[in-house]
Amino acid sequence: MIQAADVGIGISGQEGMQAVMASDFAISRFKH
């Protein structure tokens, strides 16, 4: 889903770093 979008944001968390590595931007928490 992140790769299909124009802009992808990955949240680093308990589920690992795969979303962060595939995203354009990475944040540590959703509040950011």
All heavy atoms as atom14 arrays in JSON, in Angstrom:
{
  "sequence": "MIQAADVGIGISGQEGMQAVMASDFAISRFKH",
  "atom14_mask": [
    [1, 1, 1, 1, 1, 1, 1, 1, 0, 0, 0, 0, 0, 0],
    [1, 1, 1, 1, 1, 1, 1, 1, 0, 0, 0, 0, 0, 0],
    [1, 1, 1, 1, 1, 1, 1, 1, 1, 0, 0, 0, 0, 0],
    [1, 1, 1, 1, 1, 0, 0, 0, 0, 0, 0, 0, 0, 0],
    [1, 1, 1, 1, 1, 0, 0, 0, 0, 0, 0, 0, 0, 0],
    [1, 1, 1, 1, 1, 1, 1, 1, 0, 0, 0, 0, 0, 0],
    [1, 1, 1, 1, 1, 1, 1, 0, 0, 0, 0, 0, 0, 0],
    [1, 1, 1, 1, 0, 0, 0, 0, 0, 0, 0, 0, 0, 0],
    [1, 1, 1, 1, 1, 1, 1, 1, 0, 0, 0, 0, 0, 0],
    [1, 1, 1, 1, 0, 0, 0, 0, 0, 0, 0, 0, 0, 0],
    [1, 1, 1, 1, 1, 1, 1, 1, 0, 0, 0, 0, 0, 0],
    [1, 1, 1, 1, 1, 1, 0, 0, 0, 0, 0, 0, 0, 0],
    [1, 1, 1, 1, 0, 0, 0, 0, 0, 0, 0, 0, 0, 0],
    [1, 1, 1, 1, 1, 1, 1, 1, 1, 0, 0, 0, 0, 0],
    [1, 1, 1, 1, 1, 1, 1, 1, 1, 0, 0, 0, 0, 0],
    [1, 1, 1, 1, 0, 0, 0, 0, 0, 0, 0, 0, 0, 0],
    [1, 1, 1, 1, 1, 1, 1, 1, 0, 0, 0, 0, 0, 0],
    [1, 1, 1, 1, 1, 1, 1, 1, 1, 0, 0, 0, 0, 0],
    [1, 1, 1, 1, 1, 0, 0, 0, 0, 0, 0, 0, 0, 0],
    [1, 1, 1, 1, 1, 1, 1, 0, 0, 0, 0, 0, 0, 0],
    [1, 1, 1, 1, 1, 1, 1, 1, 0, 0, 0, 0, 0, 0],
    [1, 1, 1, 1, 1, 0, 0, 0, 0, 0, 0, 0, 0, 0],
    [1, 1, 1, 1, 1, 1, 0, 0, 0, 0, 0, 0, 0, 0],
    [1, 1, 1, 1, 1, 1, 1, 1, 0, 0, 0, 0, 0, 0],
    [1, 1, 1, 1, 1, 1, 1, 1, 1, 1, 1, 0, 0, 0],
    [1, 1, 1, 1, 1, 0, 0, 0, 0, 0, 0, 0, 0, 0],
    [1, 1, 1, 1, 1, 1, 1, 1, 0, 0, 0, 0, 0, 0],
    [1, 1, 1, 1, 1, 1, 0, 0, 0, 0, 0, 0, 0, 0],
    [1, 1, 1, 1, 1, 1, 1, 1, 1, 1, 1, 0, 0, 0],
    [1, 1, 1, 1, 1, 1, 1, 1, 1, 1, 1, 0, 0, 0],
    [1, 1, 1, 1, 1, 1, 1, 1, 1, 0, 0, 0, 0, 0],
    [1, 1, 1, 1, 1, 1, 1, 1, 1, 1, 0, 0, 0, 0]
  ],
  "atom14_positions": [
    [[0.83, -1.2, 0.0], [0.0, 0.0, 0.0], [0.87, 1.25, 0.0], [0.59, 2.21, -0.73], [-0.9, -0.01, 1.23], [-1.7, 1.26, 1.45], [-2.62, 1.27, 2.98], [-1.31, 1.28, 4.2], [0.0, 0.0, 0.0], [0.0, 0.0, 0.0], [0.0, 0.0, 0.0], [0.0, 0.0, 0.0], [0.0, 0.0, 0.0], [0.0, 0.0, 0.0]],
    [[1.93, 1.26, 0.78], [2.83, 2.41, 0.84], [3.52, 2.62, -0.5], [3.66, 3.75, -0.98], [3.87, 2.21, 1.97], [3.18, 2.34, 3.33], [5.02, 3.17, 1.86], [4.05, 1.98, 4.51], [0.0, 0.0, 0.0], [0.0, 0.0, 0.0], [0.0, 0.0, 0.0], [0.0, 0.0, 0.0], [0.0, 0.0, 0.0], [0.0, 0.0, 0.0]],
    [[3.92, 1.55, -1.15], [4.58, 1.67, -2.44], [3.63, 2.06, -3.56], [4.05, 2.67, -4.54], [5.29, 0.36, -2.78], [6.48, 0.1, -1.9], [7.13, -1.24, -2.17], [6.51, -2.16, -2.7], [8.39, -1.36, -1.8], [0.0, 0.0, 0.0], [0.0, 0.0, 0.0], [0.0, 0.0, 0.0], [0.0, 0.0, 0.0], [0.0, 0.0, 0.0]],
    [[2.35, 1.76, -3.43], [1.37, 2.12, -4.46], [0.97, 3.58, -4.39], [0.52, 4.15, -5.38], [0.13, 1.24, -4.34], [0.0, 0.0, 0.0], [0.0, 0.0, 0.0], [0.0, 0.0, 0.0], [0.0, 0.0, 0.0], [0.0, 0.0, 0.0], [0.0, 0.0, 0.0], [0.0, 0.0, 0.0], [0.0, 0.0, 0.0], [0.0, 0.0, 0.0]],
    [[1.16, 4.23, -3.25], [0.74, 5.62, -3.07], [1.79, 6.58, -3.62], [2.95, 6.22, -3.83], [0.51, 5.89, -1.59], [0.0, 0.0, 0.0], [0.0, 0.0, 0.0], [0.0, 0.0, 0.0], [0.0, 0.0, 0.0], [0.0, 0.0, 0.0], [0.0, 0.0, 0.0], [0.0, 0.0, 0.0], [0.0, 0.0, 0.0], [0.0, 0.0, 0.0]],
    [[1.36, 7.82, -3.83], [2.3, 8.86, -4.25], [3.28, 9.19, -3.13], [4.46, 9.4, -3.38], [1.53, 10.13, -4.64], [0.72, 9.93, -5.9], [1.28, 9.45, -6.9], [-0.49, 10.25, -5.88], [0.0, 0.0, 0.0], [0.0, 0.0, 0.0], [0.0, 0.0, 0.0], [0.0, 0.0, 0.0], [0.0, 0.0, 0.0], [0.0, 0.0, 0.0]],
    [[2.78, 9.27, -1.92], [3.61, 9.54, -0.75], [3.33, 8.44, 0.27], [2.18, 8.18, 0.61], [3.29, 10.92, -0.13], [4.14, 11.17, 1.1], [3.49, 12.03, -1.15], [0.0, 0.0, 0.0], [0.0, 0.0, 0.0], [0.0, 0.0, 0.0], [0.0, 0.0, 0.0], [0.0, 0.0, 0.0], [0.0, 0.0, 0.0], [0.0, 0.0, 0.0]],
    [[4.39, 7.81, 0.74], [4.25, 6.76, 1.74], [4.94, 7.15, 3.03], [6.06, 7.66, 3.02], [0.0, 0.0, 0.0], [0.0, 0.0, 0.0], [0.0, 0.0, 0.0], [0.0, 0.0, 0.0], [0.0, 0.0, 0.0], [0.0, 0.0, 0.0], [0.0, 0.0, 0.0], [0.0, 0.0, 0.0], [0.0, 0.0, 0.0], [0.0, 0.0, 0.0]],
    [[4.24, 6.94, 4.12], [4.79, 7.24, 5.44], [4.81, 5.96, 6.25], [3.79, 5.28, 6.4], [3.95, 8.31, 6.16], [3.98, 9.61, 5.37], [4.47, 8.54, 7.58], [3.1, 10.7, 5.93], [0.0, 0.0, 0.0], [0.0, 0.0, 0.0], [0.0, 0.0, 0.0], [0.0, 0.0, 0.0], [0.0, 0.0, 0.0], [0.0, 0.0, 0.0]],
    [[5.99, 5.62, 6.76], [6.14, 4.44, 7.59], [6.31, 4.82, 9.04], [7.02, 5.76, 9.37], [0.0, 0.0, 0.0], [0.0, 0.0, 0.0], [0.0, 0.0, 0.0], [0.0, 0.0, 0.0], [0.0, 0.0, 0.0], [0.0, 0.0, 0.0], [0.0, 0.0, 0.0], [0.0, 0.0, 0.0], [0.0, 0.0, 0.0], [0.0, 0.0, 0.0]],
    [[5.63, 4.09, 9.9], [5.72, 4.32, 11.33], [6.53, 3.18, 11.93], [6.14, 2.02, 11.81], [4.32, 4.4, 11.97], [3.51, 5.51, 11.34], [4.44, 4.61, 13.48], [2.07, 5.56, 11.78], [0.0, 0.0, 0.0], [0.0, 0.0, 0.0], [0.0, 0.0, 0.0], [0.0, 0.0, 0.0], [0.0, 0.0, 0.0], [0.0, 0.0, 0.0]],
    [[7.65, 3.53, 12.55], [8.46, 2.49, 13.18], [7.81, 2.09, 14.49], [7.43, 2.93, 15.29], [9.89, 2.99, 13.42], [9.88, 4.11, 14.26], [0.0, 0.0, 0.0], [0.0, 0.0, 0.0], [0.0, 0.0, 0.0], [0.0, 0.0, 0.0], [0.0, 0.0, 0.0], [0.0, 0.0, 0.0], [0.0, 0.0, 0.0], [0.0, 0.0, 0.0]],
    [[7.66, 0.81, 14.66], [6.96, 0.36, 15.85], [7.27, -1.06, 16.2], [8.32, -1.6, 15.85], [0.0, 0.0, 0.0], [0.0, 0.0, 0.0], [0.0, 0.0, 0.0], [0.0, 0.0, 0.0], [0.0, 0.0, 0.0], [0.0, 0.0, 0.0], [0.0, 0.0, 0.0], [0.0, 0.0, 0.0], [0.0, 0.0, 0.0], [0.0, 0.0, 0.0]],
    [[6.3, -1.69, 16.85], [6.49, -3.04, 17.34], [6.47, -4.08, 16.23], [6.96, -5.19, 16.4], [5.4, -3.36, 18.37], [5.48, -2.47, 19.59], [4.3, -2.68, 20.52], [3.36, -3.38, 20.18], [4.35, -2.06, 21.68], [0.0, 0.0, 0.0], [0.0, 0.0, 0.0], [0.0, 0.0, 0.0], [0.0, 0.0, 0.0], [0.0, 0.0, 0.0]],
    [[5.87, -3.74, 15.1], [5.74, -4.73, 14.03], [6.97, -4.81, 13.13], [6.99, -5.55, 12.17], [4.51, -4.4, 13.18], [3.22, -4.59, 13.93], [2.03, -4.5, 13.01], [2.14, -4.86, 11.83], [0.98, -4.05, 13.48], [0.0, 0.0, 0.0], [0.0, 0.0, 0.0], [0.0, 0.0, 0.0], [0.0, 0.0, 0.0], [0.0, 0.0, 0.0]],
    [[7.99, -4.03, 13.4], [9.21, -4.1, 12.61], [9.45, -2.84, 11.8], [8.76, -1.83, 11.94], [0.0, 0.0, 0.0], [0.0, 0.0, 0.0], [0.0, 0.0, 0.0], [0.0, 0.0, 0.0], [0.0, 0.0, 0.0], [0.0, 0.0, 0.0], [0.0, 0.0, 0.0], [0.0, 0.0, 0.0], [0.0, 0.0, 0.0], [0.0, 0.0, 0.0]],
    [[10.44, -2.93, 10.92], [10.88, -1.77, 10.16], [10.58, -1.9, 8.66], [11.06, -1.09, 7.88], [12.38, -1.56, 10.37], [12.78, -1.28, 11.79], [12.19, 0.3, 12.36], [13.27, 1.39, 11.5], [0.0, 0.0, 0.0], [0.0, 0.0, 0.0], [0.0, 0.0, 0.0], [0.0, 0.0, 0.0], [0.0, 0.0, 0.0], [0.0, 0.0, 0.0]],
    [[9.82, -2.88, 8.23], [9.56, -3.07, 6.8], [8.83, -1.87, 6.21], [9.15, -1.43, 5.1], [8.76, -4.36, 6.55], [9.52, -5.62, 6.79], [9.43, -6.08, 8.22], [8.85, -5.42, 9.07], [10.02, -7.23, 8.51], [0.0, 0.0, 0.0], [0.0, 0.0, 0.0], [0.0, 0.0, 0.0], [0.0, 0.0, 0.0], [0.0, 0.0, 0.0]],
    [[7.85, -1.34, 6.9], [7.09, -0.19, 6.39], [7.98, 1.04, 6.3], [7.88, 1.82, 5.35], [5.88, 0.09, 7.27], [0.0, 0.0, 0.0], [0.0, 0.0, 0.0], [0.0, 0.0, 0.0], [0.0, 0.0, 0.0], [0.0, 0.0, 0.0], [0.0, 0.0, 0.0], [0.0, 0.0, 0.0], [0.0, 0.0, 0.0], [0.0, 0.0, 0.0]],
    [[8.86, 1.21, 7.27], [9.77, 2.35, 7.27], [10.73, 2.28, 6.09], [11.0, 3.27, 5.42], [10.53, 2.44, 8.61], [11.64, 3.46, 8.56], [9.56, 2.75, 9.73], [0.0, 0.0, 0.0], [0.0, 0.0, 0.0], [0.0, 0.0, 0.0], [0.0, 0.0, 0.0], [0.0, 0.0, 0.0], [0.0, 0.0, 0.0], [0.0, 0.0, 0.0]],
    [[11.24, 1.09, 5.83], [12.2, 0.93, 4.73], [11.55, 1.12, 3.36], [12.21, 1.52, 2.42], [12.89, -0.44, 4.83], [13.81, -0.54, 6.03], [14.8, -2.04, 6.07], [13.56, -3.29, 6.24], [0.0, 0.0, 0.0], [0.0, 0.0, 0.0], [0.0, 0.0, 0.0], [0.0, 0.0, 0.0], [0.0, 0.0, 0.0], [0.0, 0.0, 0.0]],
    [[10.27, 0.87, 3.24], [9.58, 1.01, 1.96], [8.97, 2.4, 1.77], [8.46, 2.69, 0.7], [8.48, -0.04, 1.85], [0.0, 0.0, 0.0], [0.0, 0.0, 0.0], [0.0, 0.0, 0.0], [0.0, 0.0, 0.0], [0.0, 0.0, 0.0], [0.0, 0.0, 0.0], [0.0, 0.0, 0.0], [0.0, 0.0, 0.0], [0.0, 0.0, 0.0]],
    [[9.02, 3.24, 2.78], [8.31, 4.52, 2.73], [9.2, 5.66, 2.26], [10.42, 5.55, 2.2], [7.75, 4.84, 4.11], [8.81, 5.05, 5.02], [0.0, 0.0, 0.0], [0.0, 0.0, 0.0], [0.0, 0.0, 0.0], [0.0, 0.0, 0.0], [0.0, 0.0, 0.0], [0.0, 0.0, 0.0], [0.0, 0.0, 0.0], [0.0, 0.0, 0.0]],
    [[8.54, 6.77, 1.94], [9.25, 8.0, 1.58], [9.68, 8.76, 2.83], [10.73, 9.39, 2.84], [8.34, 8.9, 0.73], [7.92, 8.23, -0.57], [8.8, 7.64, -1.23], [6.73, 8.29, -0.91], [0.0, 0.0, 0.0], [0.0, 0.0, 0.0], [0.0, 0.0, 0.0], [0.0, 0.0, 0.0], [0.0, 0.0, 0.0], [0.0, 0.0, 0.0]],
    [[8.84, 8.73, 3.85], [9.11, 9.4, 5.11], [8.87, 8.42, 6.24], [7.99, 7.57, 6.16], [8.2, 10.63, 5.29], [8.39, 11.67, 4.23], [7.53, 11.73, 3.14], [9.41, 12.59, 4.32], [7.7, 12.68, 2.16], [9.59, 13.55, 3.35], [8.73, 13.59, 2.26], [0.0, 0.0, 0.0], [0.0, 0.0, 0.0], [0.0, 0.0, 0.0]],
    [[9.63, 8.59, 7.31], [9.47, 7.72, 8.47], [9.27, 8.57, 9.72], [9.93, 9.6, 9.89], [10.7, 6.84, 8.64], [0.0, 0.0, 0.0], [0.0, 0.0, 0.0], [0.0, 0.0, 0.0], [0.0, 0.0, 0.0], [0.0, 0.0, 0.0], [0.0, 0.0, 0.0], [0.0, 0.0, 0.0], [0.0, 0.0, 0.0], [0.0, 0.0, 0.0]],
    [[8.34, 8.15, 10.55], [8.11, 8.8, 11.82], [8.08, 7.74, 12.9], [7.83, 6.56, 12.63], [6.8, 9.64, 11.82], [5.6, 8.79, 11.41], [6.94, 10.84, 10.92], [4.28, 9.54, 11.45], [0.0, 0.0, 0.0], [0.0, 0.0, 0.0], [0.0, 0.0, 0.0], [0.0, 0.0, 0.0], [0.0, 0.0, 0.0], [0.0, 0.0, 0.0]],
    [[8.35, 8.15, 14.14], [8.4, 7.16, 15.22], [7.04, 6.9, 15.84], [6.79, 5.81, 16.34], [9.39, 7.63, 16.3], [8.97, 8.86, 16.84], [0.0, 0.0, 0.0], [0.0, 0.0, 0.0], [0.0, 0.0, 0.0], [0.0, 0.0, 0.0], [0.0, 0.0, 0.0], [0.0, 0.0, 0.0], [0.0, 0.0, 0.0], [0.0, 0.0, 0.0]],
    [[6.16, 7.9, 15.82], [4.83, 7.75, 16.39], [3.81, 8.43, 15.48], [4.11, 9.36, 14.76], [4.75, 8.36, 17.78], [5.69, 7.76, 18.77], [5.15, 7.95, 20.18], [6.1, 7.59, 21.21], [6.44, 6.36, 21.53], [5.94, 5.36, 20.87], [7.3, 6.12, 22.5], [0.0, 0.0, 0.0], [0.0, 0.0, 0.0], [0.0, 0.0, 0.0]],
    [[2.58, 7.96, 15.58], [1.52, 8.51, 14.74], [1.25, 9.98, 15.06], [0.84, 10.74, 14.2], [0.24, 7.69, 14.93], [-0.79, 7.94, 13.87], [-0.67, 7.39, 12.61], [-1.87, 8.77, 14.14], [-1.62, 7.63, 11.63], [-2.82, 9.01, 13.16], [-2.69, 8.44, 11.91], [0.0, 0.0, 0.0], [0.0, 0.0, 0.0], [0.0, 0.0, 0.0]],
    [[1.52, 10.4, 16.28], [1.26, 11.78, 16.67], [2.18, 12.77, 15.94], [1.87, 13.96, 15.89], [1.38, 11.95, 18.19], [2.8, 11.8, 18.71], [2.85, 12.01, 20.22], [4.27, 11.9, 20.73], [4.34, 12.18, 22.15], [0.0, 0.0, 0.0], [0.0, 0.0, 0.0], [0.0, 0.0, 0.0], [0.0, 0.0, 0.0], [0.0, 0.0, 0.0]],
    [[3.28, 12.3, 15.37], [4.2, 13.18, 14.64], [3.72, 13.46, 13.21], [4.34, 14.25, 12.5], [5.6, 12.58, 14.61], [6.2, 12.37, 15.96], [6.34, 13.38, 16.88], [6.66, 11.25, 16.56], [6.89, 12.9, 17.98], [7.09, 11.61, 17.82], [0.0, 0.0, 0.0], [0.0, 0.0, 0.0], [0.0, 0.0, 0.0], [0.0, 0.0, 0.0]]
  ]
}
